Amino acid sequence: MRFFAACVFGEWKAVLSNHLLFEYEEVFRRQALELGLTFKDVDQLLNAICARGEECLLSHIWQPILVDPDDEPLVQLALESNALRIVTHNVRHLLPAVALGVEVLRPGTFLDKLRS
């Protein structure tokens, strides 16, 4: 949760697409009890991320590079928004993005970079 709190407090800026927001919502709702959140908390957190984030509409032209098609929009978002960084626990599945110049980091590593 520290990762998202850092976004809400302006320590970093999220670049968002509809796909990514739906992914966040799905994961937060599935893990709400585990994270000590209510669904209302999840909605408030997503609203705060949206208020701080920058929207990027994805183009319809994309050549898949990953094994899991559900992860493709993350790489596409990084490239099309020029963010060139993906912060995820799913590093292994997103490693092909590195060949396109996208840095793929775990949340803890990213937070360490913010602190330094």
N, C-alpha and C. Protein backbone atom coordinates (compact mmCIF):
# COMPACT_ATOMS: atom_id res chain seq x y z
N MET A 1 0.82 -1.20 0.00
CA MET A 1 0.00 0.00 0.00
C MET A 1 0.87 1.27 0.00
N ARG A 2 2.07 1.17 0.51
CA ARG A 2 2.97 2.32 0.52
C ARG A 2 3.20 2.83 -0.90
N PHE A 3 3.25 1.91 -1.83
CA PHE A 3 3.46 2.24 -3.23
C PHE A 3 2.37 3.19 -3.73
N PHE A 4 1.11 2.85 -3.48
CA PHE A 4 0.00 3.69 -3.95
C PHE A 4 -0.13 4.97 -3.12
N ALA A 5 0.20 4.88 -1.85
CA ALA A 5 0.18 6.09 -1.02
C ALA A 5 1.19 7.11 -1.58
N ALA A 6 2.34 6.62 -2.03
CA ALA A 6 3.34 7.51 -2.61
C ALA A 6 2.80 8.23 -3.85
N CYS A 7 1.97 7.55 -4.62
CA CYS A 7 1.34 8.18 -5.79
C CYS A 7 0.35 9.24 -5.35
N VAL A 8 -0.50 8.87 -4.40
CA VAL A 8 -1.53 9.79 -3.92
C VAL A 8 -0.90 11.06 -3.35
N PHE A 9 0.25 10.93 -2.70
CA PHE A 9 0.92 12.08 -2.10
C PHE A 9 1.90 12.77 -3.06
N GLY A 10 1.84 12.40 -4.33
CA GLY A 10 2.60 13.11 -5.34
C GLY A 10 4.07 12.76 -5.46
N GLU A 11 4.51 11.64 -4.89
CA GLU A 11 5.91 11.24 -4.99
C GLU A 11 6.23 10.67 -6.37
N TRP A 12 5.23 10.21 -7.07
CA TRP A 12 5.38 9.75 -8.45
C TRP A 12 4.04 9.91 -9.13
N LYS A 13 4.03 9.88 -10.44
CA LYS A 13 2.80 10.07 -11.20
C LYS A 13 2.48 8.81 -11.98
N ALA A 14 1.26 8.35 -11.82
CA ALA A 14 0.80 7.18 -12.56
C ALA A 14 0.33 7.60 -13.94
N VAL A 15 0.66 6.80 -14.92
CA VAL A 15 0.09 6.94 -16.25
C VAL A 15 -0.93 5.82 -16.36
N LEU A 16 -2.16 6.18 -16.68
CA LEU A 16 -3.27 5.24 -16.59
C LEU A 16 -3.97 5.03 -17.92
N SER A 17 -4.46 3.83 -18.09
CA SER A 17 -5.37 3.51 -19.19
C SER A 17 -6.57 2.81 -18.55
N ASN A 18 -7.64 2.70 -19.31
CA ASN A 18 -8.81 1.98 -18.78
C ASN A 18 -8.43 0.56 -18.38
N HIS A 19 -7.63 -0.09 -19.19
CA HIS A 19 -7.21 -1.46 -18.89
C HIS A 19 -6.52 -1.54 -17.53
N LEU A 20 -5.60 -0.62 -17.28
CA LEU A 20 -4.86 -0.65 -16.02
C LEU A 20 -5.77 -0.37 -14.83
N LEU A 21 -6.69 0.58 -14.97
CA LEU A 21 -7.62 0.86 -13.88
C LEU A 21 -8.51 -0.33 -13.56
N PHE A 22 -8.99 -1.01 -14.59
CA PHE A 22 -9.81 -2.20 -14.36
C PHE A 22 -8.99 -3.29 -13.67
N GLU A 23 -7.72 -3.40 -14.04
CA GLU A 23 -6.82 -4.37 -13.41
C GLU A 23 -6.62 -4.03 -11.93
N TYR A 24 -6.36 -2.75 -11.62
CA TYR A 24 -6.22 -2.33 -10.23
C TYR A 24 -7.48 -2.65 -9.44
N GLU A 25 -8.63 -2.30 -10.02
CA GLU A 25 -9.89 -2.54 -9.32
C GLU A 25 -10.10 -4.03 -9.04
N GLU A 26 -9.84 -4.86 -10.03
CA GLU A 26 -10.02 -6.30 -9.87
C GLU A 26 -9.13 -6.84 -8.75
N VAL A 27 -7.87 -6.47 -8.78
CA VAL A 27 -6.91 -6.97 -7.78
C VAL A 27 -7.26 -6.43 -6.39
N PHE A 28 -7.53 -5.14 -6.27
CA PHE A 28 -7.87 -4.56 -4.97
C PHE A 28 -9.12 -5.19 -4.37
N ARG A 29 -10.13 -5.39 -5.19
CA ARG A 29 -11.37 -5.99 -4.67
C ARG A 29 -11.14 -7.45 -4.27
N ARG A 30 -10.35 -8.16 -5.04
CA ARG A 30 -10.07 -9.57 -4.73
C ARG A 30 -9.26 -9.69 -3.45
N GLN A 31 -8.37 -8.74 -3.19
CA GLN A 31 -7.48 -8.81 -2.03
C GLN A 31 -7.84 -7.82 -0.93
N ALA A 32 -9.03 -7.24 -0.99
CA ALA A 32 -9.42 -6.19 -0.04
C ALA A 32 -9.28 -6.65 1.41
N LEU A 33 -9.84 -7.79 1.75
CA LEU A 33 -9.75 -8.27 3.13
C LEU A 33 -8.32 -8.47 3.57
N GLU A 34 -7.53 -9.07 2.69
CA GLU A 34 -6.12 -9.32 2.95
C GLU A 34 -5.36 -8.01 3.20
N LEU A 35 -5.75 -6.96 2.49
CA LEU A 35 -5.10 -5.65 2.61
C LEU A 35 -5.72 -4.79 3.71
N GLY A 36 -6.78 -5.29 4.34
CA GLY A 36 -7.44 -4.52 5.38
C GLY A 36 -8.28 -3.38 4.83
N LEU A 37 -8.81 -3.56 3.62
CA LEU A 37 -9.60 -2.52 2.96
C LEU A 37 -11.05 -2.95 2.81
N THR A 38 -11.94 -1.97 2.86
CA THR A 38 -13.33 -2.20 2.47
C THR A 38 -13.45 -1.85 0.99
N PHE A 39 -14.57 -2.21 0.37
CA PHE A 39 -14.78 -1.83 -1.03
C PHE A 39 -14.87 -0.30 -1.16
N LYS A 40 -15.38 0.36 -0.13
CA LYS A 40 -15.41 1.83 -0.15
C LYS A 40 -13.98 2.38 -0.14
N ASP A 41 -13.09 1.76 0.67
CA ASP A 41 -11.68 2.16 0.68
C ASP A 41 -11.06 1.99 -0.70
N VAL A 42 -11.37 0.87 -1.35
CA VAL A 42 -10.85 0.59 -2.69
C VAL A 42 -11.30 1.69 -3.65
N ASP A 43 -12.59 2.03 -3.60
CA ASP A 43 -13.10 3.09 -4.48
C ASP A 43 -12.40 4.42 -4.22
N GLN A 44 -12.18 4.75 -2.96
CA GLN A 44 -11.50 6.01 -2.62
C GLN A 44 -10.05 6.00 -3.10
N LEU A 45 -9.38 4.87 -2.95
CA LEU A 45 -8.00 4.76 -3.41
C LEU A 45 -7.92 4.91 -4.93
N LEU A 46 -8.81 4.24 -5.64
CA LEU A 46 -8.82 4.35 -7.11
C LEU A 46 -9.14 5.78 -7.55
N ASN A 47 -10.07 6.43 -6.86
CA ASN A 47 -10.38 7.83 -7.17
C ASN A 47 -9.17 8.73 -6.96
N ALA A 48 -8.43 8.49 -5.89
CA ALA A 48 -7.24 9.30 -5.61
C ALA A 48 -6.16 9.06 -6.67
N ILE A 49 -5.98 7.82 -7.08
CA ILE A 49 -5.00 7.51 -8.12
C ILE A 49 -5.41 8.19 -9.43
N CYS A 50 -6.70 8.13 -9.76
CA CYS A 50 -7.18 8.79 -10.98
C CYS A 50 -6.97 10.30 -10.92
N ALA A 51 -7.20 10.89 -9.75
CA ALA A 51 -7.03 12.34 -9.61
C ALA A 51 -5.58 12.75 -9.79
N ARG A 52 -4.65 11.88 -9.40
CA ARG A 52 -3.22 12.18 -9.51
C ARG A 52 -2.61 11.69 -10.82
N GLY A 53 -3.28 10.75 -11.47
CA GLY A 53 -2.71 10.11 -12.65
C GLY A 53 -2.93 10.89 -13.93
N GLU A 54 -2.25 10.44 -14.94
CA GLU A 54 -2.34 11.02 -16.28
C GLU A 54 -2.92 9.96 -17.21
N GLU A 55 -4.01 10.28 -17.87
CA GLU A 55 -4.68 9.32 -18.75
C GLU A 55 -3.97 9.23 -20.09
N CYS A 56 -3.87 8.02 -20.59
CA CYS A 56 -3.30 7.78 -21.91
C CYS A 56 -4.23 6.84 -22.65
N LEU A 57 -4.72 7.28 -23.78
CA LEU A 57 -5.56 6.42 -24.62
C LEU A 57 -4.65 5.58 -25.50
N LEU A 58 -4.85 4.28 -25.47
CA LEU A 58 -4.01 3.37 -26.23
C LEU A 58 -4.48 3.29 -27.68
N SER A 59 -3.52 3.21 -28.59
CA SER A 59 -3.86 3.06 -30.00
C SER A 59 -4.36 1.65 -30.27
N HIS A 60 -4.95 1.47 -31.42
CA HIS A 60 -5.46 0.14 -31.78
C HIS A 60 -4.41 -0.69 -32.51
N ILE A 61 -3.27 -0.07 -32.75
CA ILE A 61 -2.20 -0.76 -33.47
C ILE A 61 -1.16 -1.21 -32.44
N TRP A 62 -0.98 -2.52 -32.33
CA TRP A 62 0.01 -3.04 -31.39
C TRP A 62 0.43 -4.43 -31.82
N GLN A 63 1.72 -4.67 -31.82
CA GLN A 63 2.27 -5.99 -32.13
C GLN A 63 2.62 -6.69 -30.82
N PRO A 64 1.93 -7.76 -30.49
CA PRO A 64 2.19 -8.46 -29.22
C PRO A 64 3.63 -8.94 -29.10
N ILE A 65 4.16 -8.86 -27.87
CA ILE A 65 5.52 -9.33 -27.60
C ILE A 65 5.56 -10.26 -26.39
N LEU A 66 4.44 -10.38 -25.67
CA LEU A 66 4.42 -11.16 -24.44
C LEU A 66 3.66 -12.47 -24.60
N VAL A 67 3.92 -13.39 -23.70
CA VAL A 67 3.22 -14.67 -23.71
C VAL A 67 1.77 -14.50 -23.26
N ASP A 68 1.54 -13.65 -22.26
CA ASP A 68 0.19 -13.42 -21.72
C ASP A 68 -0.41 -12.18 -22.37
N PRO A 69 -1.44 -12.35 -23.20
CA PRO A 69 -2.04 -11.19 -23.88
C PRO A 69 -2.66 -10.18 -22.91
N ASP A 70 -3.01 -10.59 -21.70
CA ASP A 70 -3.57 -9.65 -20.72
C ASP A 70 -2.54 -8.63 -20.25
N ASP A 71 -1.26 -8.95 -20.39
CA ASP A 71 -0.19 -8.03 -19.97
C ASP A 71 0.23 -7.06 -21.06
N GLU A 72 -0.15 -7.32 -22.28
CA GLU A 72 0.26 -6.47 -23.41
C GLU A 72 -0.07 -4.99 -23.22
N PRO A 73 -1.28 -4.65 -22.72
CA PRO A 73 -1.58 -3.21 -22.57
C PRO A 73 -0.64 -2.48 -21.62
N LEU A 74 0.00 -3.19 -20.70
CA LEU A 74 0.94 -2.53 -19.80
C LEU A 74 2.18 -2.07 -20.55
N VAL A 75 2.69 -2.92 -21.41
CA VAL A 75 3.86 -2.56 -22.21
C VAL A 75 3.48 -1.47 -23.20
N GLN A 76 2.34 -1.62 -23.82
CA GLN A 76 1.86 -0.62 -24.76
C GLN A 76 1.69 0.74 -24.07
N LEU A 77 1.13 0.75 -22.88
CA LEU A 77 0.95 2.00 -22.13
C LEU A 77 2.30 2.65 -21.83
N ALA A 78 3.27 1.85 -21.39
CA ALA A 78 4.60 2.40 -21.09
C ALA A 78 5.22 3.04 -22.33
N LEU A 79 5.11 2.38 -23.46
CA LEU A 79 5.72 2.90 -24.68
C LEU A 79 4.98 4.12 -25.23
N GLU A 80 3.66 4.01 -25.32
CA GLU A 80 2.87 5.09 -25.93
C GLU A 80 2.80 6.34 -25.06
N SER A 81 3.00 6.19 -23.76
CA SER A 81 2.97 7.36 -22.88
C SER A 81 4.36 7.92 -22.63
N ASN A 82 5.38 7.23 -23.13
CA ASN A 82 6.78 7.58 -22.88
C ASN A 82 7.15 7.50 -21.41
N ALA A 83 6.39 6.73 -20.63
CA ALA A 83 6.74 6.53 -19.22
C ALA A 83 7.98 5.64 -19.13
N LEU A 84 8.03 4.64 -19.98
CA LEU A 84 9.16 3.73 -20.10
C LEU A 84 9.56 3.05 -18.79
N ARG A 85 8.58 2.87 -17.91
CA ARG A 85 8.82 2.13 -16.66
C ARG A 85 7.52 1.45 -16.27
N ILE A 86 7.63 0.17 -15.95
CA ILE A 86 6.49 -0.59 -15.43
C ILE A 86 6.88 -1.07 -14.04
N VAL A 87 6.03 -0.80 -13.07
CA VAL A 87 6.25 -1.24 -11.70
C VAL A 87 5.22 -2.34 -11.43
N THR A 88 5.72 -3.54 -11.13
CA THR A 88 4.84 -4.70 -11.03
C THR A 88 5.49 -5.80 -10.19
N HIS A 89 4.65 -6.66 -9.65
CA HIS A 89 5.15 -7.89 -9.02
C HIS A 89 5.37 -8.96 -10.08
N ASN A 90 4.84 -8.75 -11.26
CA ASN A 90 4.87 -9.72 -12.35
C ASN A 90 6.07 -9.46 -13.28
N VAL A 91 7.24 -9.28 -12.73
CA VAL A 91 8.43 -8.93 -13.49
C VAL A 91 8.75 -9.99 -14.55
N ARG A 92 8.69 -11.23 -14.16
CA ARG A 92 9.09 -12.33 -15.05
C ARG A 92 8.32 -12.30 -16.38
N HIS A 93 7.01 -12.09 -16.33
CA HIS A 93 6.21 -12.10 -17.55
C HIS A 93 6.39 -10.86 -18.40
N LEU A 94 6.90 -9.79 -17.82
CA LEU A 94 7.04 -8.53 -18.55
C LEU A 94 8.47 -8.24 -19.01
N LEU A 95 9.39 -9.15 -18.73
CA LEU A 95 10.80 -8.93 -19.10
C LEU A 95 11.04 -8.68 -20.60
N PRO A 96 10.26 -9.25 -21.52
CA PRO A 96 10.49 -8.92 -22.93
C PRO A 96 10.37 -7.42 -23.23
N ALA A 97 9.70 -6.66 -22.38
CA ALA A 97 9.57 -5.22 -22.58
C ALA A 97 10.91 -4.50 -22.45
N VAL A 98 11.84 -5.09 -21.72
CA VAL A 98 13.16 -4.48 -21.52
C VAL A 98 13.85 -4.27 -22.87
N ALA A 99 13.66 -5.21 -23.80
CA ALA A 99 14.27 -5.10 -25.13
C ALA A 99 13.73 -3.89 -25.90
N LEU A 100 12.58 -3.36 -25.49
CA LEU A 100 12.00 -2.17 -26.13
C LEU A 100 12.36 -0.89 -25.37
N GLY A 101 13.21 -1.01 -24.36
CA GLY A 101 13.64 0.16 -23.61
C GLY A 101 12.77 0.47 -22.40
N VAL A 102 11.94 -0.47 -21.98
CA VAL A 102 11.06 -0.27 -20.84
C VAL A 102 11.71 -0.89 -19.60
N GLU A 103 11.87 -0.12 -18.56
CA GLU A 103 12.40 -0.63 -17.30
C GLU A 103 11.26 -1.33 -16.56
N VAL A 104 11.52 -2.54 -16.06
CA VAL A 104 10.51 -3.31 -15.33
C VAL A 104 11.03 -3.53 -13.91
N LEU A 105 10.31 -2.95 -12.93
CA LEU A 105 10.75 -2.97 -11.54
C LEU A 105 9.67 -3.51 -10.61
N ARG A 106 10.11 -4.12 -9.53
CA ARG A 106 9.20 -4.49 -8.44
C ARG A 106 8.88 -3.23 -7.64
N PRO A 107 7.70 -3.17 -6.99
CA PRO A 107 7.33 -1.97 -6.23
C PRO A 107 8.38 -1.56 -5.19
N GLY A 108 8.95 -2.51 -4.47
CA GLY A 108 9.96 -2.18 -3.46
C GLY A 108 11.20 -1.53 -4.06
N THR A 109 11.63 -2.04 -5.20
CA THR A 109 12.78 -1.46 -5.88
C THR A 109 12.47 -0.04 -6.34
N PHE A 110 11.27 0.16 -6.86
CA PHE A 110 10.84 1.47 -7.29
C PHE A 110 10.81 2.46 -6.12
N LEU A 111 10.26 2.02 -4.98
CA LEU A 111 10.22 2.89 -3.81
C LEU A 111 11.62 3.23 -3.32
N ASP A 112 12.53 2.27 -3.40
CA ASP A 112 13.94 2.54 -3.04
C ASP A 112 14.52 3.63 -3.94
N LYS A 113 14.19 3.57 -5.24
CA LYS A 113 14.68 4.60 -6.17
C LYS A 113 14.11 5.96 -5.83
N LEU A 114 12.83 5.99 -5.41
CA LEU A 114 12.22 7.27 -5.04
C LEU A 114 12.93 7.89 -3.83
N ARG A 115 13.32 7.06 -2.90
CA ARG A 115 13.98 7.54 -1.67
C ARG A 115 15.37 8.06 -1.92
N SER A 116 16.04 7.55 -2.97
CA SER A 116 17.43 7.96 -3.20
C SER A 116 17.54 9.15 -4.14
